[in-house]
N, C-alpha and C. Protein backbone atom coordinates (compact mmCIF):
# COMPACT_ATOMS: atom_id res chain seq x y z
N VAL A 1 2.36 49.73 -17.19
CA VAL A 1 2.60 49.07 -15.98
C VAL A 1 3.73 48.23 -16.03
N ILE A 2 4.70 48.25 -15.27
CA ILE A 2 6.05 47.49 -15.14
C ILE A 2 5.91 46.67 -14.00
N GLU A 3 6.25 45.32 -13.97
CA GLU A 3 6.09 44.47 -12.90
C GLU A 3 7.10 43.11 -13.15
N ASN A 4 7.14 42.32 -11.94
CA ASN A 4 7.84 41.12 -12.13
C ASN A 4 9.21 41.49 -12.30
N VAL A 5 9.89 42.30 -11.79
CA VAL A 5 11.26 42.48 -12.07
C VAL A 5 12.16 41.47 -11.50
N GLY A 6 13.27 40.94 -12.04
CA GLY A 6 14.11 40.01 -11.54
C GLY A 6 15.19 39.72 -12.33
N THR A 7 16.05 38.82 -11.78
CA THR A 7 17.31 38.36 -12.52
C THR A 7 17.32 36.91 -12.74
N ILE A 8 17.95 36.50 -13.94
CA ILE A 8 18.06 34.93 -14.10
C ILE A 8 19.42 34.93 -14.64
N PRO A 9 20.29 34.17 -13.81
CA PRO A 9 19.97 33.38 -12.73
C PRO A 9 20.20 34.29 -11.46
N ASN A 10 19.79 34.08 -10.39
CA ASN A 10 20.10 34.71 -9.28
C ASN A 10 19.90 33.55 -7.97
N PRO A 11 21.14 33.28 -7.41
CA PRO A 11 22.40 33.84 -7.62
C PRO A 11 23.08 33.71 -8.86
N MET A 12 23.93 34.69 -9.25
CA MET A 12 24.61 34.44 -10.57
C MET A 12 26.00 34.11 -10.37
N GLN A 13 26.76 33.85 -11.51
CA GLN A 13 28.21 33.50 -11.16
C GLN A 13 28.97 34.56 -12.23
N ASN A 14 28.91 34.56 -13.61
CA ASN A 14 29.69 35.40 -14.39
C ASN A 14 28.67 36.36 -15.29
N SER A 15 27.53 36.10 -15.34
CA SER A 15 26.49 36.95 -16.10
C SER A 15 24.96 36.83 -15.73
N CYS A 16 24.29 37.71 -16.02
CA CYS A 16 22.73 37.50 -15.83
C CYS A 16 21.92 38.32 -16.68
N ASP A 17 20.67 38.15 -16.72
CA ASP A 17 19.74 38.91 -17.56
C ASP A 17 18.79 39.64 -16.48
N PHE A 18 18.69 40.80 -16.54
CA PHE A 18 17.50 41.55 -15.88
C PHE A 18 16.27 41.36 -16.73
N ILE A 19 15.20 40.88 -16.05
CA ILE A 19 13.90 40.74 -16.77
C ILE A 19 12.87 41.54 -16.14
N PHE A 20 11.90 41.92 -17.06
CA PHE A 20 10.58 42.53 -16.56
C PHE A 20 9.56 42.57 -17.35
N GLU A 21 8.32 42.40 -16.99
CA GLU A 21 7.02 42.49 -17.74
C GLU A 21 6.55 43.82 -17.91
N HIS A 22 5.90 44.21 -18.88
CA HIS A 22 5.46 45.54 -19.07
C HIS A 22 3.98 45.48 -20.01
N ASN A 23 3.47 46.51 -20.26
CA ASN A 23 2.28 46.49 -21.14
C ASN A 23 2.57 47.67 -22.19
N GLN A 24 3.88 47.59 -22.60
CA GLN A 24 4.15 48.94 -23.55
C GLN A 24 4.64 48.17 -24.90
N ALA A 25 3.88 47.26 -25.46
CA ALA A 25 4.25 46.55 -26.51
C ALA A 25 4.60 47.65 -27.77
N ASP A 26 5.54 47.43 -28.55
CA ASP A 26 5.87 48.30 -29.80
C ASP A 26 6.04 49.67 -29.42
N LYS A 27 6.55 49.91 -28.16
CA LYS A 27 6.79 51.52 -27.85
C LYS A 27 8.12 51.67 -27.54
N LYS A 28 8.87 52.65 -27.79
CA LYS A 28 10.07 52.85 -27.36
C LYS A 28 10.24 53.05 -25.84
N LEU A 29 11.17 52.37 -25.16
CA LEU A 29 11.30 52.61 -23.69
C LEU A 29 12.71 52.72 -23.58
N LYS A 30 13.01 53.58 -22.64
CA LYS A 30 14.53 53.90 -22.08
C LYS A 30 14.62 53.17 -20.79
N VAL A 31 15.57 52.20 -20.61
CA VAL A 31 15.71 51.47 -19.51
C VAL A 31 17.09 51.78 -19.04
N SER A 32 17.21 52.03 -17.82
CA SER A 32 18.48 52.21 -16.85
C SER A 32 18.36 51.25 -15.68
N ILE A 33 19.59 50.55 -15.47
CA ILE A 33 19.64 49.76 -14.54
C ILE A 33 21.06 50.04 -13.63
N SER A 34 20.93 50.58 -12.29
CA SER A 34 22.17 50.82 -11.65
C SER A 34 22.08 49.42 -10.55
N LEU A 35 23.44 49.29 -10.39
CA LEU A 35 23.81 48.07 -9.27
C LEU A 35 24.58 48.79 -8.41
N PHE A 36 24.13 48.43 -7.01
CA PHE A 36 24.78 49.08 -5.93
C PHE A 36 25.27 48.28 -4.96
N SER A 37 26.54 48.38 -4.20
CA SER A 37 26.74 47.51 -3.11
C SER A 37 25.78 48.08 -1.87
N LEU A 38 25.92 47.21 -0.90
CA LEU A 38 25.09 47.38 0.28
C LEU A 38 25.46 48.82 1.04
N ASN A 39 26.69 49.19 0.63
CA ASN A 39 26.88 50.59 1.35
C ASN A 39 26.67 51.89 0.65
N GLY A 40 26.01 51.41 -0.62
CA GLY A 40 25.32 52.42 -1.46
C GLY A 40 26.19 52.94 -2.69
N GLN A 41 27.33 52.38 -2.76
CA GLN A 41 28.33 52.74 -4.02
C GLN A 41 27.87 52.03 -5.32
N ARG A 42 27.78 52.78 -6.17
CA ARG A 42 27.21 52.57 -7.49
C ARG A 42 28.33 51.61 -8.03
N ILE A 43 27.97 50.34 -8.55
CA ILE A 43 29.02 49.51 -9.12
C ILE A 43 29.07 49.58 -10.63
N THR A 44 27.85 49.72 -11.15
CA THR A 44 27.73 49.85 -12.68
C THR A 44 26.33 50.46 -12.97
N GLN A 45 26.20 50.92 -14.25
CA GLN A 45 24.85 51.31 -14.76
C GLN A 45 24.90 50.83 -16.08
N ILE A 46 23.64 50.34 -16.65
CA ILE A 46 23.42 49.80 -17.98
C ILE A 46 22.27 50.65 -18.44
N GLN A 47 22.46 51.30 -19.72
CA GLN A 47 21.45 52.17 -20.19
C GLN A 47 21.09 51.54 -21.47
N LYS A 48 19.80 51.22 -21.78
CA LYS A 48 19.55 50.79 -23.19
C LYS A 48 18.28 51.39 -23.61
N ASN A 49 18.03 51.57 -24.97
CA ASN A 49 16.74 51.96 -25.39
C ASN A 49 16.38 50.88 -26.33
N ILE A 50 14.98 50.48 -25.85
CA ILE A 50 14.55 49.29 -26.62
C ILE A 50 13.16 49.47 -27.00
N ILE A 51 12.76 48.66 -27.97
CA ILE A 51 11.31 48.74 -28.47
C ILE A 51 10.76 47.16 -28.51
N PRO A 52 10.40 46.71 -27.24
CA PRO A 52 9.92 45.42 -27.18
C PRO A 52 8.77 45.10 -28.15
N SER A 53 8.65 43.92 -28.77
CA SER A 53 7.54 43.35 -29.58
C SER A 53 6.80 42.64 -28.49
N GLY A 54 5.48 42.89 -28.45
CA GLY A 54 4.50 42.13 -27.53
C GLY A 54 4.57 42.58 -26.23
N PHE A 55 3.77 41.90 -25.32
CA PHE A 55 3.66 42.19 -23.87
C PHE A 55 4.65 41.05 -23.09
N ASN A 56 5.43 40.64 -23.78
CA ASN A 56 6.33 39.48 -23.08
C ASN A 56 7.27 40.16 -22.14
N ALA A 57 7.97 39.24 -21.42
CA ALA A 57 9.02 39.53 -20.53
C ALA A 57 10.08 40.07 -21.33
N THR A 58 10.83 41.27 -20.98
CA THR A 58 11.93 41.77 -21.88
C THR A 58 13.36 41.52 -20.76
N ARG A 59 14.20 41.21 -21.59
CA ARG A 59 15.55 40.97 -20.98
C ARG A 59 16.59 41.80 -21.30
N ILE A 60 17.41 42.14 -20.27
CA ILE A 60 18.65 42.97 -20.62
C ILE A 60 19.80 42.25 -19.86
N HIS A 61 20.77 42.02 -20.95
CA HIS A 61 21.89 41.21 -20.38
C HIS A 61 23.05 42.16 -19.70
N TRP A 62 23.51 41.53 -18.75
CA TRP A 62 24.81 42.22 -17.76
C TRP A 62 25.88 41.27 -17.88
N ASN A 63 26.95 41.67 -18.10
CA ASN A 63 28.32 40.75 -18.18
C ASN A 63 29.01 40.59 -16.87
N GLY A 64 28.44 41.15 -15.78
CA GLY A 64 28.84 40.83 -14.22
C GLY A 64 30.05 41.74 -14.14
N ARG A 65 30.27 42.78 -14.99
CA ARG A 65 31.75 43.59 -14.80
C ARG A 65 31.06 44.98 -14.33
N ASN A 66 32.07 45.65 -13.53
CA ASN A 66 31.82 46.99 -13.03
C ASN A 66 32.24 48.09 -13.96
N SER A 67 31.93 49.34 -13.82
CA SER A 67 32.18 50.36 -14.70
C SER A 67 33.59 50.43 -15.29
N GLY A 68 34.54 49.81 -14.29
CA GLY A 68 35.79 49.86 -14.94
C GLY A 68 36.15 48.65 -15.65
N GLY A 69 35.30 47.64 -15.71
CA GLY A 69 35.54 46.60 -16.69
C GLY A 69 35.97 45.17 -15.94
N HIS A 70 35.89 45.48 -14.52
CA HIS A 70 36.43 44.27 -13.82
C HIS A 70 35.43 43.40 -13.22
N GLN A 71 35.55 42.01 -13.22
CA GLN A 71 34.48 41.24 -12.66
C GLN A 71 33.97 41.79 -11.12
N VAL A 72 32.83 41.70 -10.88
CA VAL A 72 32.34 42.13 -9.56
C VAL A 72 32.55 41.15 -8.66
N GLN A 73 32.87 41.42 -7.38
CA GLN A 73 33.10 40.29 -6.39
C GLN A 73 31.94 39.91 -5.76
N ASN A 74 32.14 38.72 -5.16
CA ASN A 74 31.05 38.00 -4.38
C ASN A 74 30.24 38.99 -3.55
N GLY A 75 29.06 38.77 -3.39
CA GLY A 75 28.34 39.67 -2.29
C GLY A 75 26.95 39.77 -2.68
N LEU A 76 26.07 40.44 -1.92
CA LEU A 76 24.77 40.87 -2.05
C LEU A 76 24.78 42.30 -2.60
N TYR A 77 23.97 42.57 -3.65
CA TYR A 77 23.73 43.89 -4.22
C TYR A 77 22.35 44.23 -4.57
N ILE A 78 22.21 45.47 -4.54
CA ILE A 78 20.73 46.08 -4.84
C ILE A 78 20.93 46.52 -6.17
N TYR A 79 19.92 46.40 -7.01
CA TYR A 79 19.66 46.88 -8.25
C TYR A 79 18.49 47.79 -8.53
N GLN A 80 18.60 48.79 -9.20
CA GLN A 80 17.43 49.92 -9.26
C GLN A 80 17.13 49.85 -10.85
N LEU A 81 15.98 49.66 -11.23
CA LEU A 81 15.59 49.67 -12.70
C LEU A 81 14.69 50.85 -12.94
N PHE A 82 15.05 51.78 -13.84
CA PHE A 82 14.10 52.66 -14.19
C PHE A 82 13.78 52.53 -15.59
N ILE A 83 12.54 52.59 -15.93
CA ILE A 83 11.94 52.70 -17.28
C ILE A 83 11.14 53.90 -17.71
N THR A 84 11.52 54.40 -18.70
CA THR A 84 10.66 55.69 -19.21
C THR A 84 10.03 55.39 -20.60
N ASN A 85 8.79 55.70 -20.72
CA ASN A 85 8.20 55.52 -22.01
C ASN A 85 8.08 56.63 -22.77
N GLN A 86 7.64 56.48 -24.04
CA GLN A 86 7.67 57.89 -24.93
C GLN A 86 7.02 59.18 -24.32
N THR A 87 6.15 59.09 -23.59
CA THR A 87 5.49 60.24 -22.89
C THR A 87 6.17 60.84 -22.00
N GLY A 88 7.41 60.12 -21.33
CA GLY A 88 7.98 60.68 -20.30
C GLY A 88 7.66 60.28 -18.96
N GLN A 89 6.76 59.16 -18.84
CA GLN A 89 6.39 58.42 -17.50
C GLN A 89 7.31 57.61 -17.34
N THR A 90 7.90 57.50 -15.95
CA THR A 90 9.06 56.83 -15.59
C THR A 90 8.52 55.93 -14.24
N LYS A 91 8.89 54.60 -14.29
CA LYS A 91 8.63 53.79 -13.27
C LYS A 91 9.99 53.15 -12.67
N SER A 92 10.08 53.02 -11.44
CA SER A 92 11.28 52.55 -10.88
C SER A 92 10.84 51.45 -9.97
N LEU A 93 11.69 50.18 -9.96
CA LEU A 93 11.53 49.05 -9.16
C LEU A 93 13.00 48.68 -8.66
N ASN A 94 13.05 48.00 -7.55
CA ASN A 94 14.26 47.62 -7.06
C ASN A 94 14.25 46.03 -6.86
N GLY A 95 15.43 45.36 -6.72
CA GLY A 95 15.69 44.15 -6.33
C GLY A 95 17.05 43.78 -5.81
N LYS A 96 17.19 42.50 -5.27
CA LYS A 96 18.44 42.26 -4.81
C LYS A 96 19.31 41.03 -5.73
N LEU A 97 20.38 41.09 -5.84
CA LEU A 97 21.22 40.17 -6.85
C LEU A 97 22.36 39.61 -5.94
N LEU A 98 22.42 38.23 -5.74
CA LEU A 98 23.58 37.58 -4.96
C LEU A 98 24.35 37.18 -6.21
N ILE A 99 25.86 37.41 -6.00
CA ILE A 99 26.85 36.96 -6.97
C ILE A 99 27.88 36.21 -6.26
N ILE A 100 27.90 34.97 -6.75
CA ILE A 100 29.07 33.82 -6.25
C ILE A 100 29.84 33.27 -7.27
N HIS A 101 31.07 33.43 -7.02
CA HIS A 101 31.83 32.99 -8.05
C HIS A 101 32.38 31.57 -7.71
């Protein structure tokens, strides 16, 4: 179970942490986060393999930069979080992120 997906802070200025709660303690998870503009253009994608300890909230840091390494402009963005466990089960959740410099 994956729930309570969000970003801290939101709105953000220069960087943020994507957070989520899960019931996959001490199990390898593949996490993919894509950030999209409101017109559907992918701005960046973060991919991490993690092994969370315990059932606490997990954080993945983002530096506020697009795939080209440039600071993302002010605006409202949509993020999509995919989490795949060791057995191949995938869960997807979406959210909104406001960027204000």
